[in-house]
Structure formats: structure tokens, C-alpha cells
N, C-alpha and C. Protein backbone atom coordinates (compact mmCIF):
# COMPACT_ATOMS: atom_id res chain seq x y z
N MET A 1 21.11 9.46 64.99
CA MET A 1 20.04 9.96 65.82
C MET A 1 19.90 9.01 67.00
N PRO A 2 19.80 9.53 68.20
CA PRO A 2 19.60 8.66 69.38
C PRO A 2 18.34 7.87 69.24
N LYS A 3 18.33 6.63 69.80
CA LYS A 3 17.17 5.80 69.71
C LYS A 3 15.89 6.46 70.31
N ARG A 4 16.09 7.21 71.41
CA ARG A 4 14.94 7.82 72.07
C ARG A 4 14.32 8.86 71.16
N SER A 5 15.18 9.70 70.47
CA SER A 5 14.60 10.73 69.56
C SER A 5 13.87 10.07 68.42
N LEU A 6 14.39 9.01 67.87
CA LEU A 6 13.76 8.30 66.77
C LEU A 6 12.48 7.70 67.24
N ARG A 7 12.45 7.13 68.38
CA ARG A 7 11.24 6.53 68.94
C ARG A 7 10.16 7.58 69.17
N THR A 8 10.57 8.77 69.67
CA THR A 8 9.59 9.83 69.94
C THR A 8 9.02 10.34 68.60
N LEU A 9 9.85 10.49 67.62
CA LEU A 9 9.41 10.95 66.31
C LEU A 9 8.50 9.98 65.64
N LEU A 10 8.85 8.69 65.72
CA LEU A 10 7.96 7.69 65.14
C LEU A 10 6.60 7.60 65.87
N THR A 11 6.65 7.77 67.18
CA THR A 11 5.40 7.77 68.01
C THR A 11 4.54 8.92 67.52
N ALA A 12 5.11 10.09 67.38
CA ALA A 12 4.34 11.25 66.95
C ALA A 12 3.78 11.08 65.50
N ALA A 13 4.61 10.46 64.66
CA ALA A 13 4.17 10.23 63.26
C ALA A 13 3.03 9.27 63.25
N PHE A 14 3.10 8.21 64.01
CA PHE A 14 2.01 7.23 64.11
C PHE A 14 0.72 7.90 64.75
N ALA A 15 0.93 8.72 65.74
CA ALA A 15 -0.20 9.40 66.35
C ALA A 15 -0.85 10.36 65.33
N THR A 16 -0.04 11.03 64.56
CA THR A 16 -0.56 11.88 63.50
C THR A 16 -1.34 11.08 62.48
N ALA A 17 -0.77 9.96 62.07
CA ALA A 17 -1.43 9.11 61.08
C ALA A 17 -2.71 8.59 61.63
N ALA A 18 -2.79 8.35 62.91
CA ALA A 18 -4.04 7.80 63.49
C ALA A 18 -5.22 8.79 63.39
N VAL A 19 -4.92 10.05 63.19
CA VAL A 19 -5.95 11.06 63.06
C VAL A 19 -6.75 10.95 61.79
N THR A 20 -6.16 10.32 60.81
CA THR A 20 -6.84 10.20 59.50
C THR A 20 -8.27 9.70 59.60
N PRO A 21 -8.53 8.62 60.28
CA PRO A 21 -9.97 8.10 60.34
C PRO A 21 -10.85 9.13 61.00
N VAL A 22 -10.37 9.90 61.96
CA VAL A 22 -11.23 10.96 62.61
C VAL A 22 -11.55 12.00 61.60
N LEU A 23 -10.58 12.34 60.78
CA LEU A 23 -10.83 13.35 59.76
C LEU A 23 -11.81 12.96 58.66
N MET A 24 -12.07 11.68 58.58
CA MET A 24 -12.96 11.13 57.53
C MET A 24 -14.38 10.92 57.97
N LEU A 25 -14.78 11.42 59.11
CA LEU A 25 -16.08 11.25 59.59
C LEU A 25 -17.08 12.18 58.98
N THR A 26 -18.35 11.84 58.98
CA THR A 26 -19.49 12.67 58.71
C THR A 26 -19.41 13.51 57.45
N GLY A 27 -19.44 12.85 56.31
CA GLY A 27 -19.63 13.55 55.06
C GLY A 27 -18.46 14.30 54.51
N ALA A 28 -17.37 14.41 55.17
CA ALA A 28 -16.25 15.17 54.67
C ALA A 28 -15.16 14.22 54.13
N GLN A 29 -15.62 13.04 53.64
CA GLN A 29 -14.70 12.00 53.32
C GLN A 29 -13.71 12.36 52.17
N VAL A 30 -14.18 12.97 51.14
CA VAL A 30 -13.24 13.27 50.01
C VAL A 30 -12.26 14.26 50.43
N ALA A 31 -12.69 15.39 51.04
CA ALA A 31 -11.76 16.38 51.50
C ALA A 31 -10.88 15.87 52.59
N ALA A 32 -11.44 15.13 53.53
CA ALA A 32 -10.65 14.59 54.63
C ALA A 32 -9.58 13.68 54.22
N ALA A 33 -9.86 12.84 53.20
CA ALA A 33 -8.86 11.87 52.74
C ALA A 33 -7.67 12.65 52.20
N GLY A 34 -7.88 13.73 51.52
CA GLY A 34 -6.74 14.55 51.06
C GLY A 34 -5.98 15.16 52.20
N VAL A 35 -6.71 15.67 53.20
CA VAL A 35 -6.06 16.29 54.36
C VAL A 35 -5.25 15.24 55.10
N GLY A 36 -5.88 14.05 55.31
CA GLY A 36 -5.15 12.95 56.04
C GLY A 36 -3.93 12.57 55.30
N SER A 37 -4.01 12.41 53.98
CA SER A 37 -2.84 12.04 53.16
C SER A 37 -1.73 13.05 53.28
N ASN A 38 -2.09 14.36 53.20
CA ASN A 38 -1.10 15.40 53.28
C ASN A 38 -0.44 15.42 54.66
N ILE A 39 -1.26 15.22 55.68
CA ILE A 39 -0.72 15.25 57.09
C ILE A 39 0.34 14.05 57.23
N VAL A 40 -0.05 12.89 56.74
CA VAL A 40 0.90 11.77 56.83
C VAL A 40 2.10 12.06 56.01
N GLY A 41 1.99 12.63 54.83
CA GLY A 41 3.10 12.92 53.97
C GLY A 41 4.04 13.94 54.64
N ILE A 42 3.51 14.93 55.33
CA ILE A 42 4.36 15.91 56.00
C ILE A 42 5.09 15.24 57.19
N ALA A 43 4.34 14.40 57.93
CA ALA A 43 5.03 13.68 59.06
C ALA A 43 6.13 12.80 58.53
N GLU A 44 5.89 12.06 57.43
CA GLU A 44 6.88 11.21 56.88
C GLU A 44 8.09 11.96 56.33
N ALA A 45 7.85 13.16 55.84
CA ALA A 45 8.99 13.97 55.33
C ALA A 45 9.91 14.41 56.42
N ASN A 46 9.47 14.29 57.69
CA ASN A 46 10.33 14.72 58.78
C ASN A 46 10.86 13.53 59.63
N LEU A 47 10.60 12.29 59.13
CA LEU A 47 11.21 11.16 59.85
C LEU A 47 12.73 11.32 59.84
N GLY A 48 13.31 10.99 60.99
CA GLY A 48 14.74 11.05 61.11
C GLY A 48 15.23 12.46 61.54
N HIS A 49 14.34 13.43 61.62
CA HIS A 49 14.72 14.79 62.06
C HIS A 49 14.57 14.88 63.55
N GLY A 50 15.45 15.52 64.23
CA GLY A 50 15.34 15.69 65.64
C GLY A 50 14.58 16.95 66.03
N ALA A 51 14.36 17.15 67.34
CA ALA A 51 13.63 18.22 67.86
C ALA A 51 14.17 19.64 67.42
N CYS A 52 15.45 19.76 67.26
CA CYS A 52 16.07 21.02 66.91
C CYS A 52 16.55 21.08 65.50
N ASP A 53 16.39 20.04 64.72
CA ASP A 53 16.87 19.99 63.37
C ASP A 53 16.03 20.88 62.44
N THR A 54 16.54 21.13 61.23
CA THR A 54 15.78 21.80 60.17
C THR A 54 14.64 20.91 59.75
N ASN A 55 13.43 21.42 59.79
CA ASN A 55 12.25 20.63 59.41
C ASN A 55 12.03 20.71 57.87
N SER A 56 11.09 19.94 57.40
CA SER A 56 10.90 19.92 55.95
C SER A 56 10.41 21.17 55.32
N ALA A 57 9.97 22.12 56.13
CA ALA A 57 9.52 23.45 55.64
C ALA A 57 10.74 24.43 55.62
N GLY A 58 11.83 23.98 56.08
CA GLY A 58 13.03 24.79 56.13
C GLY A 58 13.29 25.57 57.45
N GLY A 59 12.36 25.42 58.38
CA GLY A 59 12.50 26.14 59.69
C GLY A 59 13.31 25.25 60.62
N SER A 60 13.40 25.75 61.84
CA SER A 60 14.15 25.04 62.86
C SER A 60 13.20 24.44 63.86
N GLY A 61 13.19 23.13 64.00
CA GLY A 61 12.36 22.42 64.98
C GLY A 61 10.88 22.50 64.65
N TYR A 62 10.04 22.33 65.65
CA TYR A 62 8.60 22.24 65.53
C TYR A 62 8.06 23.03 66.69
N TYR A 63 7.80 24.34 66.46
CA TYR A 63 7.41 25.25 67.52
C TYR A 63 8.40 25.24 68.64
N GLY A 64 8.01 24.92 69.90
CA GLY A 64 8.93 24.99 71.01
C GLY A 64 9.65 23.67 71.29
N SER A 65 9.76 22.81 70.25
CA SER A 65 10.29 21.47 70.44
C SER A 65 11.69 21.35 70.98
N CYS A 66 12.55 22.29 70.72
CA CYS A 66 13.92 22.23 71.09
C CYS A 66 14.07 22.35 72.62
N GLY A 67 14.45 21.30 73.26
CA GLY A 67 14.67 21.35 74.70
C GLY A 67 13.54 20.89 75.56
N GLU A 68 12.51 20.23 74.95
CA GLU A 68 11.38 19.77 75.80
C GLU A 68 10.87 18.46 75.11
N SER A 69 9.99 17.76 75.77
CA SER A 69 9.33 16.68 75.10
C SER A 69 8.52 17.27 73.96
N TRP A 70 8.63 16.72 72.77
CA TRP A 70 8.16 17.44 71.57
C TRP A 70 7.21 16.75 70.72
N CYS A 71 6.63 15.63 71.19
CA CYS A 71 5.73 14.86 70.26
C CYS A 71 4.45 15.69 69.98
N ALA A 72 3.86 16.39 70.99
CA ALA A 72 2.67 17.18 70.72
C ALA A 72 3.02 18.40 69.81
N ASP A 73 4.23 19.00 70.05
CA ASP A 73 4.68 20.10 69.18
C ASP A 73 4.77 19.64 67.76
N PHE A 74 5.33 18.41 67.58
CA PHE A 74 5.48 17.89 66.20
C PHE A 74 4.13 17.70 65.57
N ALA A 75 3.18 17.06 66.22
CA ALA A 75 1.88 16.82 65.70
C ALA A 75 1.16 18.13 65.40
N ARG A 76 1.23 19.08 66.26
CA ARG A 76 0.62 20.44 66.04
C ARG A 76 1.23 21.11 64.84
N TRP A 77 2.55 21.03 64.71
CA TRP A 77 3.24 21.64 63.59
C TRP A 77 2.83 20.97 62.25
N VAL A 78 2.76 19.67 62.23
CA VAL A 78 2.36 18.93 61.08
C VAL A 78 0.96 19.38 60.62
N TRP A 79 0.02 19.40 61.58
CA TRP A 79 -1.35 19.81 61.24
C TRP A 79 -1.35 21.25 60.64
N ALA A 80 -0.61 22.16 61.31
CA ALA A 80 -0.56 23.57 60.81
C ALA A 80 -0.01 23.66 59.43
N GLN A 81 0.95 22.80 59.08
CA GLN A 81 1.57 22.86 57.78
C GLN A 81 0.52 22.46 56.69
N ASN A 82 -0.56 21.85 57.11
CA ASN A 82 -1.61 21.44 56.18
C ASN A 82 -2.86 22.38 56.29
N GLY A 83 -2.73 23.46 57.07
CA GLY A 83 -3.80 24.44 57.08
C GLY A 83 -4.87 24.12 58.18
N VAL A 84 -4.63 23.12 59.04
CA VAL A 84 -5.59 22.81 60.05
C VAL A 84 -5.57 23.83 61.14
N ASN A 85 -6.73 24.32 61.60
CA ASN A 85 -6.82 25.30 62.72
C ASN A 85 -6.28 24.56 63.99
N ILE A 86 -5.22 25.11 64.51
CA ILE A 86 -4.61 24.47 65.67
C ILE A 86 -4.85 25.31 66.95
N SER A 87 -5.76 26.28 66.91
CA SER A 87 -5.98 27.15 68.13
C SER A 87 -6.52 26.18 69.21
N GLY A 88 -5.94 26.41 70.41
CA GLY A 88 -6.31 25.59 71.56
C GLY A 88 -5.35 24.47 71.75
N LEU A 89 -4.57 24.07 70.74
CA LEU A 89 -3.53 23.03 70.96
C LEU A 89 -2.25 23.66 71.51
N THR A 90 -1.68 22.91 72.45
CA THR A 90 -0.39 23.35 73.06
C THR A 90 0.61 22.24 72.95
N ALA A 91 1.69 22.49 73.64
CA ALA A 91 2.78 21.41 73.68
C ALA A 91 2.34 20.28 74.59
N GLY A 92 1.23 20.38 75.28
CA GLY A 92 0.74 19.26 76.12
C GLY A 92 -0.14 18.35 75.30
N ALA A 93 0.13 17.04 75.40
CA ALA A 93 -0.62 16.09 74.68
C ALA A 93 -2.15 16.11 75.10
N GLY A 94 -2.44 16.50 76.29
CA GLY A 94 -3.83 16.61 76.77
C GLY A 94 -4.65 17.58 76.00
N SER A 95 -4.03 18.57 75.40
CA SER A 95 -4.72 19.58 74.60
C SER A 95 -5.37 18.95 73.38
N PHE A 96 -4.72 17.84 72.86
CA PHE A 96 -5.31 17.18 71.71
C PHE A 96 -6.58 16.40 72.09
N ALA A 97 -6.62 15.88 73.29
CA ALA A 97 -7.85 15.19 73.74
C ALA A 97 -9.00 16.23 73.87
N LYS A 98 -8.69 17.35 74.42
CA LYS A 98 -9.73 18.40 74.57
C LYS A 98 -10.18 18.91 73.26
N TYR A 99 -9.22 19.12 72.32
CA TYR A 99 -9.47 19.61 70.96
C TYR A 99 -10.38 18.61 70.21
N GLY A 100 -10.08 17.32 70.35
CA GLY A 100 -10.83 16.30 69.58
C GLY A 100 -12.15 15.82 70.23
N SER A 101 -12.43 16.26 71.46
CA SER A 101 -13.68 15.80 72.10
C SER A 101 -14.87 16.38 71.37
N GLY A 102 -15.74 15.52 71.03
CA GLY A 102 -16.94 15.91 70.29
C GLY A 102 -16.78 16.15 68.80
N MET A 103 -15.52 15.91 68.26
CA MET A 103 -15.25 16.22 66.88
C MET A 103 -16.03 15.22 66.03
N HIS A 104 -16.72 15.70 65.01
CA HIS A 104 -17.48 14.85 64.14
C HIS A 104 -17.16 15.06 62.68
N SER A 105 -16.23 15.91 62.36
CA SER A 105 -15.92 16.11 60.93
C SER A 105 -14.48 16.61 60.87
N THR A 106 -14.11 17.08 59.66
CA THR A 106 -12.72 17.59 59.40
C THR A 106 -12.48 18.77 60.39
N PRO A 107 -11.33 18.82 61.02
CA PRO A 107 -11.00 20.01 61.83
C PRO A 107 -11.09 21.31 60.99
N PRO A 108 -11.51 22.38 61.61
CA PRO A 108 -11.67 23.67 60.82
C PRO A 108 -10.32 24.15 60.31
N ARG A 109 -10.34 24.75 59.13
CA ARG A 109 -9.07 25.35 58.54
C ARG A 109 -8.95 26.70 59.12
N ARG A 110 -7.78 27.24 59.12
CA ARG A 110 -7.46 28.58 59.54
C ARG A 110 -8.15 29.61 58.69
């Protein structure tokens, strides 16, 4: 795997893992800890996979990841695999900032 792809994937995995403390705010700690652990586990299961590779769920890539910068696609895909409502999230990293603004508890499930 090219160094750049590995670096991108690791960056996305670390960004996804960084969400765990946010998920644990305001009384949802027991449920959020499980959600955070599952999210990290799904991200780790895809370490070493490229943008167009078969993902851990058996599909190809992570949404529109093939042929574009894909860190936000990866994070969005990982959240969706755990049942997190990803409406409003796009392939743009800025959509995550908008999604998380004012968040005080576990993201809503689908």
C-alpha cells in the first residue's frame, strides 16, 4: 500500500477514534462507550485497506471513496456501519464540523 494511502487511512481511523469522547457526553456514557468501541473496532478492521479495496463489510470502498480524497467518506462509512445517523454528512470534512456543532450526547441512530 502506498505511504500516502496508509497515512490517509490512519488519519481517518484516528479521527474516528477521537469521536469517542464526544459520544460519551451527557448521560449516555454506558451506551456511548459501546458505540465508541464498535466504531473504533470497525475502523481498525479496515486498516491497510485502500479507497477502492474490499471493506470489512464485504463491499467495495467507502461510499464514493474510489478516486477522491476519502477520509471523510471512510469516517462516515464507519459510523454508518454502527447505526449512527449520518444524514447531513458528505464527503467533505467540513460536514462533520457542522454535524457536531452543538452536539451534547450520542449521535442519533437511524
